[in-house]
Amino acid sequence: MEALYAWVRNLAVYFIIISTIINALPDNRYVKYIRFFLGMLLILLILQPVLDFFDWTQELDSAYYTQMMEQEWQEQVEDMGQS
């Protein structure tokens, strides 16, 4: 039950922060980009209990880390080839 309370609290804090960010923007040019990014964060926030239940969080972290390491390796190989 405490996990549900923490999840709802996180959602409430998220919506307070999103309202503050959007209202603090001086120009409306970037609102659609900010909304897109914050929407992606909202999807992750909503899926967090499901990810925790199936223990997918660690697998996603591992996949992300592996992808980043492969990308860095490719960039280093390309840099060495250009030198």
Protein backbone atom coordinates (compact mmCIF):
# COMPACT_ATOMS: atom_id res chain seq x y z
CA MET A 1 0.00 0.00 0.00
CA GLU A 2 2.90 2.30 0.72
CA ALA A 3 4.21 1.82 -2.81
CA LEU A 4 0.87 3.03 -4.20
CA TYR A 5 1.05 6.08 -1.94
CA ALA A 6 4.59 6.86 -3.13
CA TRP A 7 3.53 6.44 -6.78
CA VAL A 8 0.58 8.83 -6.38
CA ARG A 9 2.82 11.30 -4.54
CA ASN A 10 5.34 11.16 -7.39
CA LEU A 11 2.57 11.83 -9.91
CA ALA A 12 1.35 14.81 -7.89
CA VAL A 13 4.86 16.26 -7.66
CA TYR A 14 5.33 15.67 -11.38
CA PHE A 15 2.18 17.63 -12.26
CA ILE A 16 3.17 20.49 -9.96
CA ILE A 17 6.62 20.68 -11.57
CA ILE A 18 5.23 20.46 -15.12
CA SER A 19 2.80 23.30 -14.40
CA THR A 20 5.60 25.42 -12.97
CA ILE A 21 7.91 24.78 -15.92
CA ILE A 22 5.30 25.52 -18.58
CA ASN A 23 4.11 28.69 -16.83
CA ALA A 24 7.69 29.89 -16.30
CA LEU A 25 8.58 29.74 -20.01
CA PRO A 26 8.97 33.25 -21.38
CA ASP A 27 8.11 32.28 -24.94
CA ASN A 28 5.64 29.76 -26.34
CA ARG A 29 8.09 28.58 -29.02
CA TYR A 30 9.42 25.75 -26.92
CA VAL A 31 6.19 24.64 -25.24
CA LYS A 32 5.57 21.77 -27.67
CA TYR A 33 9.10 20.42 -27.16
CA ILE A 34 8.86 20.73 -23.40
CA ARG A 35 5.46 19.02 -23.43
CA PHE A 36 6.87 16.19 -25.58
CA PHE A 37 9.79 15.62 -23.20
CA LEU A 38 7.61 15.84 -20.11
CA GLY A 39 5.10 13.49 -21.73
CA MET A 40 7.86 10.92 -22.18
CA LEU A 41 8.74 11.32 -18.50
CA LEU A 42 5.07 10.88 -17.58
CA ILE A 43 4.92 7.61 -19.50
CA LEU A 44 7.94 6.34 -17.59
CA LEU A 45 6.46 7.53 -14.30
CA ILE A 46 3.17 5.75 -15.00
CA LEU A 47 4.93 2.55 -16.06
CA GLN A 48 7.27 2.52 -13.06
CA PRO A 49 5.11 0.20 -10.89
CA VAL A 50 4.80 -2.29 -13.76
CA LEU A 51 8.53 -2.16 -14.42
CA ASP A 52 9.26 -2.69 -10.74
CA PHE A 53 6.79 -5.57 -10.49
CA PHE A 54 8.40 -7.50 -13.34
CA ASP A 55 11.93 -6.33 -12.38
CA TRP A 56 12.41 -4.81 -15.85
CA THR A 57 14.06 -1.68 -14.50
CA GLN A 58 17.41 -3.39 -14.12
CA GLU A 59 17.15 -4.98 -17.56
CA LEU A 60 16.33 -1.62 -19.17
CA ASP A 61 19.26 0.02 -17.37
CA SER A 62 21.57 -2.74 -18.56
CA ALA A 63 20.35 -2.46 -22.16
CA TYR A 64 20.78 1.32 -22.10
CA TYR A 65 24.28 1.06 -20.65
CA THR A 66 25.26 -1.55 -23.27
CA GLN A 67 23.93 0.63 -26.08
CA MET A 68 25.83 3.66 -24.81
CA MET A 69 29.07 1.69 -24.53
CA GLU A 70 28.67 0.36 -28.09
CA GLN A 71 28.05 3.88 -29.39
CA GLU A 72 31.11 5.24 -27.61
CA TRP A 73 33.20 2.37 -28.99
CA GLN A 74 32.05 3.08 -32.54
CA GLU A 75 32.83 6.79 -32.15
CA GLN A 76 36.33 6.00 -30.91
CA VAL A 77 36.92 3.61 -33.82
CA GLU A 78 35.74 6.28 -36.27
CA ASP A 79 38.00 8.88 -34.63
CA MET A 80 40.99 6.56 -34.89
CA GLY A 81 40.19 5.86 -38.55
CA GLN A 82 40.08 9.58 -39.37
CA SER A 83 43.44 10.29 -37.70
